[in-house]
Amino acid sequence: MSKLLKDKDRFLSIVLITPSILAVLIFIYGFIGWSVRVSLSKWKGLNPDYSWNGLANYINLFYDPRFAVDVRNTVIFTGVFVIGTVLLGFFLAVMLDQGLKGEGFFRSLFLFPMAISYIVTGVVWRWLMNPATGSRTSGLNLLFSYLHLDFLQNAWHTTPKWGMAAIALAAIWQMSGYTMALYLAGLRAIPIELREAAQIDGANEFQIYRHIMIPLLAPVTLSALIILGHMSLKVFDLIVAVAGKQLPLDVPAIYMWQTTFDGLFYGRGAAISILLLISVAVLIIPYIWYTLHTETEQ
């Protein structure tokens, strides 16, 4: 009787998860496989053309000056966004961990931007980073003018070389609350006895964080770096909302969109999408393997 019930439960479990498995196989891995096939074809135009083109679409991208600009912009955006978000999130978490009065209010306040879409964030920050001067000054430049900090006024995202860094400020504002939540949970999980023992040994607050808290938060930092890193590689809507589709602020996702849907060059567009998938997988897969391996050992 017991064996019959177990077989019945196993059968029901399989029946319940089968639709989800089929959906994943078809709509994720199936479409990934289809995109790979298209990236190896000569398809250009509305009529499908699966003529074999080998790796030509990928090779051409590495000789494409625009794709080189995309990679440079992605590196700049990723560096500023990831480092800025981690540092600001850690700072906010440390402040809240000090027993700040009204912690619940501030925690919700810092997390609120995460609930906003990148499009809304981009529209707001487009106004804040208005590069206009003189009578048309607004946003942050106007604030700096009122505070007599005119040396801080700048062209923001219209700066030729560092425009991506300015756009990363909007992403930092939106995601620092999420990083704060990760670090705050990590700080609260560290036994208070470790801090008390360090204080008894004469360690000051800076030494406690440097030698005890930060090393113990290494898994949290790794998780934050992976999550933020893969988000930065796929950035699209924030840049379009702030600055539109401009070549100096181009990234692979925008290039893929314009190549595929504006230029109808589906073969090259699919190649860009596969390269984006590979870049994200390079971050995600080792992290998943490390996490599973660590859990198995524990």
C-alpha atoms as a PDB file:
ATOM      1  CA  MET A   1       0.000   0.000   0.000  1.00  0.00           C
ATOM      2  CA  SER A   2       2.816   2.360   0.937  1.00  0.00           C
ATOM      3  CA  LYS A   3       4.648   1.640  -2.322  1.00  0.00           C
ATOM      4  CA  LEU A   4       1.450   2.265  -4.301  1.00  0.00           C
ATOM      5  CA  LEU A   5       1.007   5.680  -2.649  1.00  0.00           C
ATOM      6  CA  LYS A   6       4.624   6.599  -3.393  1.00  0.00           C
ATOM      7  CA  ASP A   7       4.235   5.613  -7.052  1.00  0.00           C
ATOM      8  CA  LYS A   8       1.031   7.650  -7.243  1.00  0.00           C
ATOM      9  CA  ASP A   9       2.740  10.724  -5.727  1.00  0.00           C
ATOM     10  CA  ARG A  10       5.667  10.334  -8.108  1.00  0.00           C
ATOM     11  CA  PHE A  11       3.316  10.091 -11.091  1.00  0.00           C
ATOM     12  CA  LEU A  12       1.352  13.180  -9.999  1.00  0.00           C
ATOM     13  CA  SER A  13       4.586  15.125  -9.488  1.00  0.00           C
ATOM     14  CA  ILE A  14       5.749  14.256 -12.989  1.00  0.00           C
ATOM     15  CA  VAL A  15       2.380  15.237 -14.450  1.00  0.00           C
ATOM     16  CA  LEU A  16       2.467  18.596 -12.657  1.00  0.00           C
ATOM     17  CA  ILE A  17       5.989  19.601 -13.720  1.00  0.00           C
ATOM     18  CA  THR A  18       5.821  18.219 -17.279  1.00  0.00           C
ATOM     19  CA  PRO A  19       4.083  21.324 -18.757  1.00  0.00           C
ATOM     20  CA  SER A  20       6.716  23.590 -17.198  1.00  0.00           C
ATOM     21  CA  ILE A  21       9.543  21.428 -18.499  1.00  0.00           C
ATOM     22  CA  LEU A  22       8.058  21.387 -21.996  1.00  0.00           C
ATOM     23  CA  ALA A  23       7.555  25.158 -21.922  1.00  0.00           C
ATOM     24  CA  VAL A  24      11.185  25.703 -20.885  1.00  0.00           C
ATOM     25  CA  LEU A  25      12.476  23.308 -23.531  1.00  0.00           C
ATOM     26  CA  ILE A  26      10.434  24.947 -26.296  1.00  0.00           C
ATOM     27  CA  PHE A  27      10.379  28.641 -25.429  1.00  0.00           C
ATOM     28  CA  ILE A  28      13.900  28.932 -23.965  1.00  0.00           C
ATOM     29  CA  TYR A  29      16.235  26.245 -25.230  1.00  0.00           C
ATOM     30  CA  GLY A  30      14.301  25.754 -28.451  1.00  0.00           C
ATOM     31  CA  PHE A  31      14.498  29.438 -29.325  1.00  0.00           C
ATOM     32  CA  ILE A  32      18.151  29.570 -28.293  1.00  0.00           C
ATOM     33  CA  GLY A  33      18.845  26.744 -30.725  1.00  0.00           C
ATOM     34  CA  TRP A  34      16.851  28.528 -33.426  1.00  0.00           C
ATOM     35  CA  SER A  35      18.796  31.758 -32.802  1.00  0.00           C
ATOM     36  CA  VAL A  36      22.072  29.875 -33.130  1.00  0.00           C
ATOM     37  CA  ARG A  37      20.915  28.472 -36.466  1.00  0.00           C
ATOM     38  CA  VAL A  38      19.871  31.921 -37.697  1.00  0.00           C
ATOM     39  CA  SER A  39      23.226  33.376 -36.613  1.00  0.00           C
ATOM     40  CA  LEU A  40      24.930  30.873 -38.913  1.00  0.00           C
ATOM     41  CA  SER A  41      22.786  31.845 -41.889  1.00  0.00           C
ATOM     42  CA  LYS A  42      22.696  34.610 -44.523  1.00  0.00           C
ATOM     43  CA  TRP A  43      19.208  35.730 -43.540  1.00  0.00           C
ATOM     44  CA  LYS A  44      18.748  39.393 -44.472  1.00  0.00           C
ATOM     45  CA  GLY A  45      15.320  40.796 -45.224  1.00  0.00           C
ATOM     46  CA  LEU A  46      11.771  39.786 -44.389  1.00  0.00           C
ATOM     47  CA  ASN A  47      11.967  36.473 -46.255  1.00  0.00           C
ATOM     48  CA  PRO A  48      13.735  33.741 -44.247  1.00  0.00           C
ATOM     49  CA  ASP A  49      17.045  32.628 -45.725  1.00  0.00           C
ATOM     50  CA  TYR A  50      18.756  29.779 -43.911  1.00  0.00           C
ATOM     51  CA  SER A  51      21.626  29.488 -46.381  1.00  0.00           C
ATOM     52  CA  TRP A  52      24.715  28.332 -44.502  1.00  0.00           C
ATOM     53  CA  ASN A  53      27.089  31.180 -43.676  1.00  0.00           C
ATOM     54  CA  GLY A  54      29.283  29.525 -41.070  1.00  0.00           C
ATOM     55  CA  LEU A  55      30.911  31.825 -38.541  1.00  0.00           C
ATOM     56  CA  ALA A  56      31.028  34.768 -40.952  1.00  0.00           C
ATOM     57  CA  ASN A  57      28.526  36.828 -38.953  1.00  0.00           C
ATOM     58  CA  TYR A  58      30.587  36.395 -35.774  1.00  0.00           C
ATOM     59  CA  ILE A  59      33.895  37.104 -37.485  1.00  0.00           C
ATOM     60  CA  ASN A  60      32.545  40.250 -39.120  1.00  0.00           C
ATOM     61  CA  LEU A  61      31.462  41.582 -35.747  1.00  0.00           C
ATOM     62  CA  PHE A  62      35.014  41.490 -34.420  1.00  0.00           C
ATOM     63  CA  TYR A  63      36.107  43.659 -37.344  1.00  0.00           C
ATOM     64  CA  ASP A  64      33.145  46.014 -36.944  1.00  0.00           C
ATOM     65  CA  PRO A  65      34.145  49.436 -35.464  1.00  0.00           C
ATOM     66  CA  ARG A  66      30.662  49.879 -34.029  1.00  0.00           C
ATOM     67  CA  PHE A  67      30.870  46.605 -32.127  1.00  0.00           C
ATOM     68  CA  ALA A  68      34.232  47.720 -30.713  1.00  0.00           C
ATOM     69  CA  VAL A  69      32.518  50.881 -29.426  1.00  0.00           C
ATOM     70  CA  ASP A  70      29.781  48.704 -27.929  1.00  0.00           C
ATOM     71  CA  VAL A  71      32.288  46.579 -26.029  1.00  0.00           C
ATOM     72  CA  ARG A  72      34.122  49.655 -24.717  1.00  0.00           C
ATOM     73  CA  ASN A  73      30.869  51.243 -23.568  1.00  0.00           C
ATOM     74  CA  THR A  74      29.781  48.026 -21.881  1.00  0.00           C
ATOM     75  CA  VAL A  75      33.073  47.780 -19.993  1.00  0.00           C
ATOM     76  CA  ILE A  76      32.765  51.397 -18.791  1.00  0.00           C
ATOM     77  CA  PHE A  77      29.120  51.005 -17.782  1.00  0.00           C
ATOM     78  CA  THR A  78      29.747  47.675 -16.042  1.00  0.00           C
ATOM     79  CA  GLY A  79      32.747  48.949 -14.104  1.00  0.00           C
ATOM     80  CA  VAL A  80      31.077  52.119 -12.842  1.00  0.00           C
ATOM     81  CA  PHE A  81      27.701  50.476 -12.217  1.00  0.00           C
ATOM     82  CA  VAL A  82      28.921  47.360 -10.407  1.00  0.00           C
ATOM     83  CA  ILE A  83      31.591  49.042  -8.264  1.00  0.00           C
ATOM     84  CA  GLY A  84      29.383  52.040  -7.434  1.00  0.00           C
ATOM     85  CA  THR A  85      26.354  49.917  -6.558  1.00  0.00           C
ATOM     86  CA  VAL A  86      28.332  47.525  -4.358  1.00  0.00           C
ATOM     87  CA  LEU A  87      30.092  50.325  -2.458  1.00  0.00           C
ATOM     88  CA  LEU A  88      26.948  52.411  -1.971  1.00  0.00           C
ATOM     89  CA  GLY A  89      24.861  49.376  -1.032  1.00  0.00           C
ATOM     90  CA  PHE A  90      27.455  48.263   1.515  1.00  0.00           C
ATOM     91  CA  PHE A  91      27.653  51.781   2.990  1.00  0.00           C
ATOM     92  CA  LEU A  92      23.864  51.978   3.370  1.00  0.00           C
ATOM     93  CA  ALA A  93      23.752  48.519   4.956  1.00  0.00           C
ATOM     94  CA  VAL A  94      26.442  49.465   7.480  1.00  0.00           C
ATOM     95  CA  MET A  95      24.539  52.631   8.381  1.00  0.00           C
ATOM     96  CA  LEU A  96      21.290  50.717   8.935  1.00  0.00           C
ATOM     97  CA  ASP A  97      23.110  48.036  10.918  1.00  0.00           C
ATOM     98  CA  GLN A  98      24.058  50.611  13.540  1.00  0.00           C
ATOM     99  CA  GLY A  99      20.532  50.558  14.982  1.00  0.00           C
ATOM    100  CA  LEU A 100      19.420  53.702  13.159  1.00  0.00           C
ATOM    101  CA  LYS A 101      16.130  55.115  14.412  1.00  0.00           C
ATOM    102  CA  GLY A 102      13.395  54.646  11.818  1.00  0.00           C
ATOM    103  CA  GLU A 103      15.298  51.807  10.117  1.00  0.00           C
ATOM    104  CA  GLY A 104      12.138  50.377   8.567  1.00  0.00           C
ATOM    105  CA  PHE A 105      11.344  53.688   6.859  1.00  0.00           C
ATOM    106  CA  PHE A 106      14.856  54.145   5.483  1.00  0.00           C
ATOM    107  CA  ARG A 107      15.063  50.521   4.367  1.00  0.00           C
ATOM    108  CA  SER A 108      11.851  50.944   2.372  1.00  0.00           C
ATOM    109  CA  LEU A 109      13.047  54.295   1.042  1.00  0.00           C
ATOM    110  CA  PHE A 110      16.309  52.830  -0.264  1.00  0.00           C
ATOM    111  CA  LEU A 111      14.530  49.807  -1.761  1.00  0.00           C
ATOM    112  CA  PHE A 112      11.808  51.854  -3.476  1.00  0.00           C
ATOM    113  CA  PRO A 113      13.808  52.707  -6.655  1.00  0.00           C
ATOM    114  CA  MET A 114      14.143  49.003  -7.396  1.00  0.00           C
ATOM    115  CA  ALA A 115      10.360  48.811  -7.875  1.00  0.00           C
ATOM    116  CA  ILE A 116      10.572  51.343 -10.719  1.00  0.00           C
ATOM    117  CA  SER A 117      11.214  50.231 -14.276  1.00  0.00           C
ATOM    118  CA  TYR A 118      14.374  51.305 -16.072  1.00  0.00           C
ATOM    119  CA  ILE A 119      12.237  53.312 -18.499  1.00  0.00           C
ATOM    120  CA  VAL A 120      10.829  55.472 -15.687  1.00  0.00           C
ATOM    121  CA  THR A 121      14.270  55.809 -14.135  1.00  0.00           C
ATOM    122  CA  GLY A 122      15.700  56.837 -17.485  1.00  0.00           C
ATOM    123  CA  VAL A 123      13.039  59.509 -18.057  1.00  0.00           C
ATOM    124  CA  VAL A 124      13.642  61.014 -14.606  1.00  0.00           C
ATOM    125  CA  TRP A 125      17.423  60.971 -14.914  1.00  0.00           C
ATOM    126  CA  ARG A 126      17.270  62.399 -18.424  1.00  0.00           C
ATOM    127  CA  TRP A 127      15.830  65.529 -16.818  1.00  0.00           C
ATOM    128  CA  LEU A 128      18.249  65.412 -13.879  1.00  0.00           C
ATOM    129  CA  MET A 129      21.222  65.109 -16.238  1.00  0.00           C
ATOM    130  CA  ASN A 130      20.085  67.824 -18.607  1.00  0.00           C
ATOM    131  CA  PRO A 131      23.361  69.059 -20.173  1.00  0.00           C
ATOM    132  CA  ALA A 132      21.906  72.459 -21.117  1.00  0.00           C
ATOM    133  CA  THR A 133      23.455  75.600 -19.616  1.00  0.00           C
ATOM    134  CA  GLY A 134      22.421  79.204 -19.183  1.00  0.00           C
ATOM    135  CA  SER A 135      18.687  79.953 -19.028  1.00  0.00           C
ATOM    136  CA  ARG A 136      17.835  76.353 -19.945  1.00  0.00           C
ATOM    137  CA  THR A 137      19.726  74.843 -17.013  1.00  0.00           C
ATOM    138  CA  SER A 138      17.757  72.293 -14.991  1.00  0.00           C
ATOM    139  CA  GLY A 139      18.220  69.206 -12.879  1.00  0.00           C
ATOM    140  CA  LEU A 140      21.542  68.604 -11.190  1.00  0.00           C
ATOM    141  CA  ASN A 141      23.309  71.414 -13.026  1.00  0.00           C
ATOM    142  CA  LEU A 142      20.728  73.876 -11.698  1.00  0.00           C
ATOM    143  CA  LEU A 143      21.170  72.488  -8.190  1.00  0.00           C
ATOM    144  CA  PHE A 144      24.928  72.929  -8.418  1.00  0.00           C
ATOM    145  CA  SER A 145      24.363  76.487  -9.599  1.00  0.00           C
ATOM    146  CA  TYR A 146      22.176  77.304  -6.583  1.00  0.00           C
ATOM    147  CA  LEU A 147      24.804  75.793  -4.266  1.00  0.00           C
ATOM    148  CA  HIS A 148      27.572  77.788  -5.979  1.00  0.00           C
ATOM    149  CA  LEU A 149      29.228  74.556  -7.072  1.00  0.00           C
ATOM    150  CA  ASP A 150      29.462  75.508 -10.732  1.00  0.00           C
ATOM    151  CA  PHE A 151      32.627  73.435 -11.139  1.00  0.00           C
ATOM    152  CA  LEU A 152      30.472  70.314 -10.767  1.00  0.00           C
ATOM    153  CA  GLN A 153      28.276  71.212 -13.733  1.00  0.00           C
ATOM    154  CA  ASN A 154      29.014  69.072 -16.774  1.00  0.00           C
ATOM    155  CA  ALA A 155      27.557  67.636 -19.949  1.00  0.00           C
ATOM    156  CA  TRP A 156      26.685  64.298 -18.272  1.00  0.00           C
ATOM    157  CA  HIS A 157      25.722  61.628 -20.807  1.00  0.00           C
ATOM    158  CA  THR A 158      26.700  63.840 -23.746  1.00  0.00           C
ATOM    159  CA  THR A 159      30.350  63.714 -22.683  1.00  0.00           C
ATOM    160  CA  PRO A 160      32.178  61.976 -25.587  1.00  0.00           C
ATOM    161  CA  LYS A 161      34.255  59.447 -23.633  1.00  0.00           C
ATOM    162  CA  TRP A 162      32.530  59.083 -20.266  1.00  0.00           C
ATOM    163  CA  GLY A 163      28.864  59.450 -21.155  1.00  0.00           C
ATOM    164  CA  MET A 164      28.272  55.821 -20.189  1.00  0.00           C
ATOM    165  CA  ALA A 165      29.606  56.525 -16.700  1.00  0.00           C
ATOM    166  CA  ALA A 166      26.969  59.248 -16.285  1.00  0.00           C
ATOM    167  CA  ILE A 167      24.188  56.866 -17.328  1.00  0.00           C
ATOM    168  CA  ALA A 168      25.550  54.325 -14.849  1.00  0.00           C
ATOM    169  CA  LEU A 169      24.696  56.805 -12.065  1.00  0.00           C
ATOM    170  CA  ALA A 170      20.997  56.230 -12.771  1.00  0.00           C
ATOM    171  CA  ALA A 171      21.488  52.463 -12.566  1.00  0.00           C
ATOM    172  CA  ILE A 172      23.423  52.853  -9.307  1.00  0.00           C
ATOM    173  CA  TRP A 173      20.560  54.867  -7.839  1.00  0.00           C
ATOM    174  CA  GLN A 174      18.065  52.168  -8.821  1.00  0.00           C
ATOM    175  CA  MET A 175      19.956  49.057  -7.688  1.00  0.00           C
ATOM    176  CA  SER A 176      21.919  50.233  -4.624  1.00  0.00           C
ATOM    177  CA  GLY A 177      18.914  49.484  -2.423  1.00  0.00           C
ATOM    178  CA  TYR A 178      18.895  45.880  -3.610  1.00  0.00           C
ATOM    179  CA  THR A 179      22.591  45.537  -2.802  1.00  0.00           C
ATOM    180  CA  MET A 180      21.921  47.148   0.574  1.00  0.00           C
ATOM    181  CA  ALA A 181      19.310  44.473   1.334  1.00  0.00           C
ATOM    182  CA  LEU A 182      21.802  41.713   0.459  1.00  0.00           C
ATOM    183  CA  TYR A 183      24.508  43.161   2.681  1.00  0.00           C
ATOM    184  CA  LEU A 184      22.122  43.957   5.515  1.00  0.00           C
ATOM    185  CA  ALA A 185      20.909  40.354   5.560  1.00  0.00           C
ATOM    186  CA  GLY A 186      24.540  39.193   5.546  1.00  0.00           C
ATOM    187  CA  LEU A 187      25.479  41.518   8.406  1.00  0.00           C
ATOM    188  CA  ARG A 188      22.522  40.370  10.498  1.00  0.00           C
ATOM    189  CA  ALA A 189      23.540  36.735   9.936  1.00  0.00           C
ATOM    190  CA  ILE A 190      26.999  37.268  11.460  1.00  0.00           C
ATOM    191  CA  PRO A 191      27.003  36.276  15.173  1.00  0.00           C
ATOM    192  CA  ILE A 192      27.251  39.283  17.488  1.00  0.00           C
ATOM    193  CA  GLU A 193      29.713  37.305  19.595  1.00  0.00           C
ATOM    194  CA  LEU A 194      32.400  37.725  16.923  1.00  0.00           C
ATOM    195  CA  ARG A 195      32.149  41.500  17.085  1.00  0.00           C
ATOM    196  CA  GLU A 196      32.111  41.519  20.889  1.00  0.00           C
ATOM    197  CA  ALA A 197      35.182  39.270  21.025  1.00  0.00           C
ATOM    198  CA  ALA A 198      37.038  41.585  18.653  1.00  0.00           C
ATOM    199  CA  GLN A 199      36.101  44.618  20.753  1.00  0.00           C
ATOM    200  CA  ILE A 200      37.400  42.899  23.872  1.00  0.00           C
ATOM    201  CA  ASP A 201      40.683  42.273  22.044  1.00  0.00           C
ATOM    202  CA  GLY A 202      40.935  46.012  21.387  1.00  0.00           C
ATOM    203  CA  ALA A 203      39.858  46.192  17.739  1.00  0.00           C
ATOM    204  CA  ASN A 204      38.184  49.397  16.624  1.00  0.00           C
ATOM    205  CA  GLU A 205      35.139  49.560  14.349  1.00  0.00           C
ATOM    206  CA  PHE A 206      37.213  49.909  11.170  1.00  0.00           C
ATOM    207  CA  GLN A 207      39.355  46.896  12.046  1.00  0.00           C
ATOM    208  CA  ILE A 208      36.272  44.831  12.870  1.00  0.00           C
ATOM    209  CA  TYR A 209      34.776  45.487   9.464  1.00  0.00           C
ATOM    210  CA  ARG A 210      38.061  45.045   7.617  1.00  0.00           C
ATOM    211  CA  HIS A 211      39.201  41.794   9.217  1.00  0.00           C
ATOM    212  CA  ILE A 212      35.924  40.141  10.279  1.00  0.00           C
ATOM    213  CA  MET A 213      32.785  41.485   8.663  1.00  0.00           C
ATOM    214  CA  ILE A 214      33.961  42.058   5.083  1.00  0.00           C
ATOM    215  CA  PRO A 215      35.688  38.619   4.764  1.00  0.00           C
ATOM    216  CA  LEU A 216      32.554  36.916   6.109  1.00  0.00           C
ATOM    217  CA  LEU A 217      30.472  38.865   3.581  1.00  0.00           C
ATOM    218  CA  ALA A 218      32.490  37.508   0.654  1.00  0.00           C
ATOM    219  CA  PRO A 219      29.642  35.205  -0.543  1.00  0.00           C
ATOM    220  CA  VAL A 220      27.243  38.163  -0.497  1.00  0.00           C
ATOM    221  CA  THR A 221      29.713  40.285  -2.446  1.00  0.00           C
ATOM    222  CA  LEU A 222      30.148  37.511  -5.010  1.00  0.00           C
ATOM    223  CA  SER A 223      26.379  37.194  -5.435  1.00  0.00           C
ATOM    224  CA  ALA A 224      26.032  40.961  -5.862  1.00  0.00           C
ATOM    225  CA  LEU A 225      28.826  41.091  -8.436  1.00  0.00           C
ATOM    226  CA  ILE A 226      27.302  38.268 -10.484  1.00  0.00           C
ATOM    227  CA  ILE A 227      23.754  39.655 -10.401  1.00  0.00           C
ATOM    228  CA  LEU A 228      24.776  43.235 -11.170  1.00  0.00           C
ATOM    229  CA  GLY A 229      27.327  42.135 -13.757  1.00  0.00           C
ATOM    230  CA  HIS A 230      24.861  40.160 -15.827  1.00  0.00           C
ATOM    231  CA  MET A 231      22.338  43.019 -15.616  1.00  0.00           C
ATOM    232  CA  SER A 232      24.894  45.497 -16.944  1.00  0.00           C
ATOM    233  CA  LEU A 233      25.706  43.281 -19.916  1.00  0.00           C
ATOM    234  CA  LYS A 234      22.061  43.322 -21.029  1.00  0.00           C
ATOM    235  CA  VAL A 235      21.354  47.019 -20.434  1.00  0.00           C
ATOM    236  CA  PHE A 236      19.088  48.485 -23.098  1.00  0.00           C
ATOM    237  CA  ASP A 237      15.998  50.349 -21.899  1.00  0.00           C
ATOM    238  CA  LEU A 238      17.825  52.649 -19.466  1.00  0.00           C
ATOM    239  CA  ILE A 239      20.179  53.951 -22.150  1.00  0.00           C
ATOM    240  CA  VAL A 240      17.390  54.401 -24.688  1.00  0.00           C
ATOM    241  CA  ALA A 241      15.248  56.266 -22.140  1.00  0.00           C
ATOM    242  CA  VAL A 242      18.086  58.606 -21.138  1.00  0.00           C
ATOM    243  CA  ALA A 243      19.800  59.309 -24.449  1.00  0.00           C
ATOM    244  CA  GLY A 244      18.009  57.468 -27.230  1.00  0.00           C
ATOM    245  CA  LYS A 245      19.920  55.403 -29.780  1.00  0.00           C
ATOM    246  CA  GLN A 246      23.177  57.286 -30.208  1.00  0.00           C
ATOM    247  CA  LEU A 247      26.366  55.712 -31.507  1.00  0.00           C
ATOM    248  CA  PRO A 248      28.604  57.183 -28.744  1.00  0.00           C
ATOM    249  CA  LEU A 249      26.321  55.483 -26.171  1.00  0.00           C
ATOM    250  CA  ASP A 250      25.750  52.302 -28.135  1.00  0.00           C
ATOM    251  CA  VAL A 251      25.799  48.874 -26.473  1.00  0.00           C
ATOM    252  CA  PRO A 252      25.425  45.366 -27.929  1.00  0.00           C
ATOM    253  CA  ALA A 253      21.726  45.145 -27.020  1.00  0.00           C
ATOM    254  CA  ILE A 254      20.920  48.345 -28.932  1.00  0.00           C
ATOM    255  CA  TYR A 255      23.083  47.236 -31.849  1.00  0.00           C
ATOM    256  CA  MET A 256      21.253  43.909 -31.910  1.00  0.00           C
ATOM    257  CA  TRP A 257      17.849  45.638 -31.919  1.00  0.00           C
ATOM    258  CA  GLN A 258      18.725  48.020 -34.746  1.00  0.00           C
ATOM    259  CA  THR A 259      20.468  45.349 -36.801  1.00  0.00           C
ATOM    260  CA  THR A 260      17.586  42.903 -36.467  1.00  0.00           C
ATOM    261  CA  PHE A 261      14.431  45.004 -36.496  1.00  0.00           C
ATOM    262  CA  ASP A 262      15.560  48.189 -38.251  1.00  0.00           C
ATOM    263  CA  GLY A 263      18.124  46.786 -40.692  1.00  0.00           C
ATOM    264  CA  LEU A 264      16.402  43.372 -41.085  1.00  0.00           C
ATOM    265  CA  PHE A 265      19.824  41.696 -40.938  1.00  0.00           C
ATOM    266  CA  TYR A 266      18.594  38.756 -38.889  1.00  0.00           C
ATOM    267  CA  GLY A 267      21.754  36.693 -39.245  1.00  0.00           C
ATOM    268  CA  ARG A 268      24.011  39.337 -37.719  1.00  0.00           C
ATOM    269  CA  GLY A 269      21.415  40.299 -35.117  1.00  0.00           C
ATOM    270  CA  ALA A 270      21.165  36.686 -33.969  1.00  0.00           C
ATOM    271  CA  ALA A 271      24.963  36.514 -33.762  1.00  0.00           C
ATOM    272  CA  ILE A 272      25.011  39.550 -31.456  1.00  0.00           C
ATOM    273  CA  SER A 273      22.309  38.009 -29.271  1.00  0.00           C
ATOM    274  CA  ILE A 274      24.256  34.753 -28.981  1.00  0.00           C
ATOM    275  CA  LEU A 275      27.390  36.659 -27.995  1.00  0.00           C
ATOM    276  CA  LEU A 276      25.355  38.427 -25.312  1.00  0.00           C
ATOM    277  CA  LEU A 277      24.055  35.062 -24.104  1.00  0.00           C
ATOM    278  CA  ILE A 278      27.593  33.676 -23.945  1.00  0.00           C
ATOM    279  CA  SER A 279      28.866  36.700 -22.003  1.00  0.00           C
ATOM    280  CA  VAL A 280      26.075  36.299 -19.450  1.00  0.00           C
ATOM    281  CA  ALA A 281      26.649  32.540 -19.243  1.00  0.00           C
ATOM    282  CA  VAL A 282      30.345  33.116 -18.534  1.00  0.00           C
ATOM    283  CA  LEU A 283      29.252  34.907 -15.362  1.00  0.00           C
ATOM    284  CA  ILE A 284      26.254  32.828 -14.336  1.00  0.00           C
ATOM    285  CA  ILE A 285      27.320  29.223 -14.969  1.00  0.00           C
ATOM    286  CA  PRO A 286      30.539  29.251 -12.849  1.00  0.00           C
ATOM    287  CA  TYR A 287      28.589  30.953 -10.055  1.00  0.00           C
ATOM    288  CA  ILE A 288      25.827  28.325 -10.150  1.00  0.00           C
ATOM    289  CA  TRP A 289      28.432  25.552 -10.198  1.00  0.00           C
ATOM    290  CA  TYR A 290      30.261  27.115  -7.251  1.00  0.00           C
ATOM    291  CA  THR A 291      27.023  27.500  -5.264  1.00  0.00           C
ATOM    292  CA  LEU A 292      25.907  23.924  -5.876  1.00  0.00           C
ATOM    293  CA  HIS A 293      29.389  22.596  -5.116  1.00  0.00           C
ATOM    294  CA  THR A 294      29.511  24.540  -1.839  1.00  0.00           C
ATOM    295  CA  GLU A 295      26.043  23.358  -0.780  1.00  0.00           C
ATOM    296  CA  THR A 296      26.996  19.763  -1.555  1.00  0.00           C
ATOM    297  CA  GLU A 297      30.106  19.976   0.618  1.00  0.00           C
ATOM    298  CA  GLN A 298      28.099  21.448   3.487  1.00  0.00           C
END
